Amino acid sequence: MPGLYLLAILVSAAGIALLDRRFRLAFWAARGRTVATVAIGVIFFLAWDAAGILTGVFVKGDSELYTGVMLAPELPLEELFFLAFLCYLTLVCWTAAIRVLARRGDTASAAAGTDESKHR
């Protein structure tokens, strides 16, 4: 079924966007920075892909799941969406991890403070 891979990427991105919105991790916390970060990541990985394509390391492969739209030789449309999704997912996961670790640190500090006050 043509386009199924792109649809899977878009559905996955929508799920991550819902989590982002719920917890205000990236886009809903800092739209400009999120867009800039994802754009920089996509540009970097597109350059990486271009180098791989030019050296013959990366090839498209044949699949009925692709839309068939090519942005360049050996570079399907889905790659652009996948790279954007990958960068966005990474940013959301990173922000969530930072938040969890910060809360653990606050909890540990509060617990340590409470324990210290008992020993005084």
N, C-alpha and C. Protein backbone atom coordinates (compact mmCIF):
# COMPACT_ATOMS: atom_id res chain seq x y z
N MET A 1 0.84 -1.19 0.00
CA MET A 1 0.00 0.00 0.00
C MET A 1 0.88 1.25 0.00
N PRO A 2 0.93 1.98 -1.09
CA PRO A 2 1.77 3.17 -1.18
C PRO A 2 1.39 4.22 -0.13
N GLY A 3 2.40 4.78 0.51
CA GLY A 3 2.19 5.84 1.49
C GLY A 3 2.01 5.36 2.91
N LEU A 4 2.00 4.06 3.13
CA LEU A 4 1.78 3.53 4.47
C LEU A 4 2.92 3.91 5.42
N TYR A 5 4.15 3.91 4.92
CA TYR A 5 5.30 4.29 5.75
C TYR A 5 5.19 5.76 6.18
N LEU A 6 4.83 6.62 5.24
CA LEU A 6 4.66 8.04 5.57
C LEU A 6 3.53 8.21 6.58
N LEU A 7 2.45 7.49 6.39
CA LEU A 7 1.33 7.56 7.33
C LEU A 7 1.77 7.12 8.73
N ALA A 8 2.55 6.07 8.82
CA ALA A 8 3.04 5.60 10.12
C ALA A 8 3.90 6.66 10.79
N ILE A 9 4.73 7.33 10.03
CA ILE A 9 5.57 8.40 10.59
C ILE A 9 4.69 9.53 11.10
N LEU A 10 3.70 9.92 10.32
CA LEU A 10 2.82 11.03 10.71
C LEU A 10 1.98 10.68 11.94
N VAL A 11 1.48 9.46 12.01
CA VAL A 11 0.71 9.04 13.19
C VAL A 11 1.61 9.02 14.42
N SER A 12 2.82 8.54 14.27
CA SER A 12 3.77 8.52 15.38
C SER A 12 4.11 9.94 15.83
N ALA A 13 4.32 10.82 14.89
CA ALA A 13 4.61 12.23 15.22
C ALA A 13 3.43 12.87 15.94
N ALA A 14 2.22 12.54 15.52
CA ALA A 14 1.03 13.08 16.18
C ALA A 14 0.96 12.59 17.63
N GLY A 15 1.30 11.34 17.86
CA GLY A 15 1.32 10.82 19.23
C GLY A 15 2.33 11.53 20.10
N ILE A 16 3.50 11.76 19.56
CA ILE A 16 4.54 12.49 20.31
C ILE A 16 4.11 13.93 20.55
N ALA A 17 3.46 14.54 19.56
CA ALA A 17 2.97 15.91 19.71
C ALA A 17 1.92 16.00 20.82
N LEU A 18 1.08 14.98 20.93
CA LEU A 18 0.09 14.96 22.02
C LEU A 18 0.77 14.89 23.38
N LEU A 19 1.79 14.04 23.49
CA LEU A 19 2.55 13.98 24.74
C LEU A 19 3.25 15.30 25.02
N ASP A 20 3.80 15.89 23.99
CA ASP A 20 4.47 17.19 24.12
C ASP A 20 3.47 18.24 24.61
N ARG A 21 2.31 18.25 24.02
CA ARG A 21 1.29 19.23 24.42
C ARG A 21 0.85 19.00 25.86
N ARG A 22 0.63 17.76 26.22
CA ARG A 22 0.15 17.43 27.56
C ARG A 22 1.15 17.87 28.64
N PHE A 23 2.43 17.62 28.39
CA PHE A 23 3.45 17.91 29.39
C PHE A 23 4.26 19.17 29.09
N ARG A 24 3.94 19.84 27.99
CA ARG A 24 4.64 21.08 27.57
C ARG A 24 6.15 20.88 27.62
N LEU A 25 6.61 19.93 26.81
CA LEU A 25 8.02 19.55 26.82
C LEU A 25 8.87 20.33 25.82
N ALA A 26 8.37 20.53 24.61
CA ALA A 26 9.19 21.15 23.57
C ALA A 26 8.40 22.23 22.85
N PHE A 27 7.65 21.84 21.83
CA PHE A 27 6.95 22.82 21.00
C PHE A 27 6.00 23.71 21.79
N TRP A 28 5.24 23.13 22.72
CA TRP A 28 4.29 23.93 23.48
C TRP A 28 4.96 24.69 24.62
N ALA A 29 6.21 24.45 24.85
CA ALA A 29 6.96 25.21 25.86
C ALA A 29 7.79 26.32 25.22
N ALA A 30 8.36 26.04 24.05
CA ALA A 30 9.22 27.01 23.36
C ALA A 30 9.16 26.72 21.86
N ARG A 31 8.17 27.27 21.19
CA ARG A 31 7.93 26.97 19.78
C ARG A 31 9.11 27.31 18.89
N GLY A 32 9.63 28.51 19.02
CA GLY A 32 10.73 28.95 18.16
C GLY A 32 11.96 28.08 18.31
N ARG A 33 12.33 27.81 19.55
CA ARG A 33 13.51 26.98 19.79
C ARG A 33 13.30 25.56 19.29
N THR A 34 12.09 25.04 19.44
CA THR A 34 11.82 23.69 18.96
C THR A 34 11.92 23.61 17.45
N VAL A 35 11.29 24.56 16.77
CA VAL A 35 11.34 24.58 15.30
C VAL A 35 12.78 24.73 14.82
N ALA A 36 13.53 25.64 15.46
CA ALA A 36 14.93 25.84 15.06
C ALA A 36 15.76 24.58 15.30
N THR A 37 15.57 23.94 16.44
CA THR A 37 16.34 22.74 16.76
C THR A 37 16.04 21.60 15.79
N VAL A 38 14.75 21.40 15.51
CA VAL A 38 14.38 20.34 14.57
C VAL A 38 14.91 20.67 13.18
N ALA A 39 14.81 21.92 12.76
CA ALA A 39 15.31 22.32 11.43
C ALA A 39 16.82 22.11 11.31
N ILE A 40 17.56 22.49 12.33
CA ILE A 40 19.01 22.29 12.32
C ILE A 40 19.34 20.80 12.25
N GLY A 41 18.63 20.00 13.03
CA GLY A 41 18.85 18.55 13.00
C GLY A 41 18.54 17.96 11.64
N VAL A 42 17.44 18.38 11.02
CA VAL A 42 17.06 17.87 9.69
C VAL A 42 18.11 18.25 8.66
N ILE A 43 18.56 19.49 8.70
CA ILE A 43 19.59 19.94 7.75
C ILE A 43 20.86 19.12 7.93
N PHE A 44 21.26 18.89 9.18
CA PHE A 44 22.46 18.09 9.44
C PHE A 44 22.30 16.68 8.88
N PHE A 45 21.17 16.04 9.18
CA PHE A 45 20.98 14.67 8.72
C PHE A 45 20.75 14.56 7.22
N LEU A 46 20.18 15.59 6.60
CA LEU A 46 20.09 15.60 5.14
C LEU A 46 21.48 15.69 4.51
N ALA A 47 22.35 16.49 5.12
CA ALA A 47 23.73 16.57 4.63
C ALA A 47 24.42 15.21 4.81
N TRP A 48 24.16 14.57 5.94
CA TRP A 48 24.70 13.24 6.21
C TRP A 48 24.20 12.25 5.16
N ASP A 49 22.89 12.31 4.87
CA ASP A 49 22.32 11.44 3.84
C ASP A 49 22.95 11.71 2.48
N ALA A 50 23.13 12.99 2.16
CA ALA A 50 23.73 13.34 0.87
C ALA A 50 25.13 12.76 0.74
N ALA A 51 25.90 12.85 1.81
CA ALA A 51 27.25 12.27 1.79
C ALA A 51 27.18 10.76 1.61
N GLY A 52 26.24 10.13 2.29
CA GLY A 52 26.08 8.69 2.15
C GLY A 52 25.61 8.28 0.77
N ILE A 53 24.74 9.08 0.18
CA ILE A 53 24.26 8.79 -1.17
C ILE A 53 25.38 8.97 -2.18
N LEU A 54 26.15 10.04 -2.05
CA LEU A 54 27.25 10.31 -2.98
C LEU A 54 28.33 9.24 -2.92
N THR A 55 28.55 8.68 -1.75
CA THR A 55 29.58 7.64 -1.62
C THR A 55 29.02 6.24 -1.89
N GLY A 56 27.72 6.15 -2.14
CA GLY A 56 27.11 4.86 -2.45
C GLY A 56 26.77 4.02 -1.24
N VAL A 57 26.87 4.60 -0.05
CA VAL A 57 26.57 3.86 1.18
C VAL A 57 25.05 3.76 1.38
N PHE A 58 24.33 4.83 1.09
CA PHE A 58 22.88 4.85 1.26
C PHE A 58 22.20 4.63 -0.07
N VAL A 59 21.28 3.70 -0.10
CA VAL A 59 20.43 3.49 -1.28
C VAL A 59 18.99 3.38 -0.80
N LYS A 60 18.07 3.75 -1.65
CA LYS A 60 16.66 3.81 -1.28
C LYS A 60 16.08 2.45 -0.94
N GLY A 61 16.31 1.48 -1.74
CA GLY A 61 15.65 0.20 -1.53
C GLY A 61 14.25 0.24 -2.14
N ASP A 62 13.70 -0.89 -2.39
CA ASP A 62 12.37 -0.96 -3.00
C ASP A 62 11.36 -1.42 -1.97
N SER A 63 10.28 -0.69 -1.89
CA SER A 63 9.20 -1.06 -0.99
C SER A 63 7.89 -0.51 -1.53
N GLU A 64 6.86 -1.27 -1.39
CA GLU A 64 5.53 -0.82 -1.78
C GLU A 64 4.98 0.20 -0.78
N LEU A 65 5.64 0.37 0.35
CA LEU A 65 5.17 1.27 1.39
C LEU A 65 5.52 2.73 1.13
N TYR A 66 6.49 2.99 0.26
CA TYR A 66 6.88 4.35 -0.09
C TYR A 66 5.84 4.99 -1.00
N THR A 67 5.76 6.32 -0.96
CA THR A 67 4.85 7.03 -1.86
C THR A 67 5.35 7.03 -3.29
N GLY A 68 6.66 6.89 -3.46
CA GLY A 68 7.25 6.95 -4.80
C GLY A 68 7.77 8.33 -5.15
N VAL A 69 7.53 9.31 -4.28
CA VAL A 69 8.01 10.68 -4.51
C VAL A 69 9.47 10.74 -4.08
N MET A 70 10.32 11.17 -5.00
CA MET A 70 11.75 11.27 -4.71
C MET A 70 12.16 12.74 -4.64
N LEU A 71 12.87 13.11 -3.59
CA LEU A 71 13.39 14.48 -3.45
C LEU A 71 14.69 14.64 -4.21
N ALA A 72 15.42 13.57 -4.33
CA ALA A 72 16.69 13.51 -5.05
C ALA A 72 16.94 12.02 -5.33
N PRO A 73 17.92 11.71 -6.15
CA PRO A 73 18.22 10.29 -6.36
C PRO A 73 18.52 9.60 -5.02
N GLU A 74 17.88 8.49 -4.77
CA GLU A 74 18.05 7.70 -3.54
C GLU A 74 17.55 8.40 -2.28
N LEU A 75 16.75 9.47 -2.43
CA LEU A 75 16.23 10.20 -1.27
C LEU A 75 14.71 10.34 -1.39
N PRO A 76 13.98 9.40 -0.79
CA PRO A 76 12.52 9.46 -0.87
C PRO A 76 11.94 10.53 0.06
N LEU A 77 10.75 10.98 -0.26
CA LEU A 77 10.04 11.98 0.54
C LEU A 77 9.96 11.56 2.00
N GLU A 78 9.75 10.29 2.24
CA GLU A 78 9.60 9.80 3.60
C GLU A 78 10.82 10.08 4.48
N GLU A 79 11.99 10.15 3.86
CA GLU A 79 13.21 10.41 4.63
C GLU A 79 13.15 11.78 5.31
N LEU A 80 12.64 12.77 4.61
CA LEU A 80 12.52 14.11 5.18
C LEU A 80 11.60 14.08 6.41
N PHE A 81 10.47 13.43 6.29
CA PHE A 81 9.54 13.33 7.41
C PHE A 81 10.12 12.49 8.55
N PHE A 82 10.82 11.42 8.20
CA PHE A 82 11.44 10.60 9.23
C PHE A 82 12.49 11.39 10.01
N LEU A 83 13.31 12.16 9.31
CA LEU A 83 14.34 12.95 9.99
C LEU A 83 13.72 14.00 10.91
N ALA A 84 12.66 14.65 10.45
CA ALA A 84 11.97 15.62 11.30
C ALA A 84 11.39 14.93 12.53
N PHE A 85 10.77 13.78 12.31
CA PHE A 85 10.21 13.02 13.43
C PHE A 85 11.31 12.60 14.39
N LEU A 86 12.41 12.10 13.88
CA LEU A 86 13.52 11.66 14.72
C LEU A 86 14.05 12.81 15.58
N CYS A 87 14.24 13.96 14.99
CA CYS A 87 14.74 15.12 15.73
C CYS A 87 13.74 15.59 16.78
N TYR A 88 12.46 15.63 16.42
CA TYR A 88 11.41 16.04 17.36
C TYR A 88 11.29 15.05 18.51
N LEU A 89 11.29 13.76 18.19
CA LEU A 89 11.21 12.73 19.21
C LEU A 89 12.38 12.83 20.18
N THR A 90 13.56 13.02 19.65
CA THR A 90 14.76 13.14 20.48
C THR A 90 14.65 14.34 21.41
N LEU A 91 14.18 15.46 20.88
CA LEU A 91 14.04 16.67 21.69
C LEU A 91 13.02 16.46 22.80
N VAL A 92 11.89 15.85 22.49
CA VAL A 92 10.86 15.59 23.49
C VAL A 92 11.39 14.63 24.57
N CYS A 93 12.05 13.57 24.15
CA CYS A 93 12.61 12.62 25.11
C CYS A 93 13.67 13.26 25.99
N TRP A 94 14.53 14.06 25.39
CA TRP A 94 15.59 14.74 26.14
C TRP A 94 14.99 15.67 27.20
N THR A 95 14.01 16.46 26.79
CA THR A 95 13.37 17.40 27.71
C THR A 95 12.66 16.65 28.83
N ALA A 96 11.99 15.56 28.49
CA ALA A 96 11.32 14.76 29.52
C ALA A 96 12.33 14.17 30.50
N ALA A 97 13.44 13.68 29.98
CA ALA A 97 14.47 13.10 30.85
C ALA A 97 15.06 14.15 31.78
N ILE A 98 15.31 15.34 31.25
CA ILE A 98 15.83 16.43 32.09
C ILE A 98 14.84 16.76 33.19
N ARG A 99 13.57 16.81 32.84
CA ARG A 99 12.54 17.13 33.83
C ARG A 99 12.46 16.05 34.91
N VAL A 100 12.48 14.78 34.51
CA VAL A 100 12.42 13.69 35.49
C VAL A 100 13.64 13.72 36.39
N LEU A 101 14.81 13.91 35.82
CA LEU A 101 16.03 13.95 36.64
C LEU A 101 16.02 15.14 37.58
N ALA A 102 15.50 16.27 37.14
CA ALA A 102 15.43 17.45 38.00
C ALA A 102 14.49 17.19 39.18
N ARG A 103 13.37 16.54 38.90
CA ARG A 103 12.43 16.22 39.98
C ARG A 103 13.04 15.23 40.96
N ARG A 104 13.77 14.26 40.43
CA ARG A 104 14.44 13.30 41.31
C ARG A 104 15.44 14.02 42.19
N GLY A 105 16.17 14.96 41.61
CA GLY A 105 17.14 15.74 42.38
C GLY A 105 16.47 16.56 43.45
N ASP A 106 15.32 17.18 43.11
CA ASP A 106 14.58 17.95 44.10
C ASP A 106 14.05 17.06 45.21
N THR A 107 13.56 15.89 44.83
CA THR A 107 13.05 14.94 45.81
C THR A 107 14.17 14.45 46.71
N ALA A 108 15.31 14.13 46.08
CA ALA A 108 16.45 13.66 46.86
C ALA A 108 16.95 14.75 47.80
N SER A 109 16.98 16.00 47.31
CA SER A 109 17.42 17.11 48.16
C SER A 109 16.47 17.33 49.32
N ALA A 110 15.17 17.26 49.03
CA ALA A 110 14.18 17.45 50.09
C ALA A 110 14.27 16.33 51.11
N ALA A 111 14.44 15.10 50.63
CA ALA A 111 14.56 13.96 51.53
C ALA A 111 15.83 14.08 52.36
N ALA A 112 16.91 14.49 51.73
CA ALA A 112 18.18 14.64 52.45
C ALA A 112 18.05 15.75 53.49
N GLY A 113 17.39 16.83 53.13
CA GLY A 113 17.19 17.93 54.07
C GLY A 113 16.35 17.50 55.25
N THR A 114 15.34 16.72 55.00
CA THR A 114 14.48 16.23 56.06
C THR A 114 15.25 15.29 56.97
N ASP A 115 16.04 14.41 56.37
CA ASP A 115 16.83 13.46 57.16
C ASP A 115 17.87 14.19 57.99
N GLU A 116 18.49 15.23 57.42
CA GLU A 116 19.51 15.97 58.14
C GLU A 116 18.90 16.68 59.33
N SER A 117 17.68 17.20 59.16
CA SER A 117 17.06 17.94 60.26
C SER A 117 16.72 17.00 61.41
N LYS A 118 16.46 15.73 61.12
CA LYS A 118 16.16 14.77 62.17
C LYS A 118 17.41 14.44 62.98
N HIS A 119 18.58 14.55 62.35
CA HIS A 119 19.83 14.18 63.03
C HIS A 119 20.45 15.35 63.77
N ARG A 120 19.88 16.49 63.70
CA ARG A 120 20.49 17.66 64.37
C ARG A 120 20.08 17.77 65.77
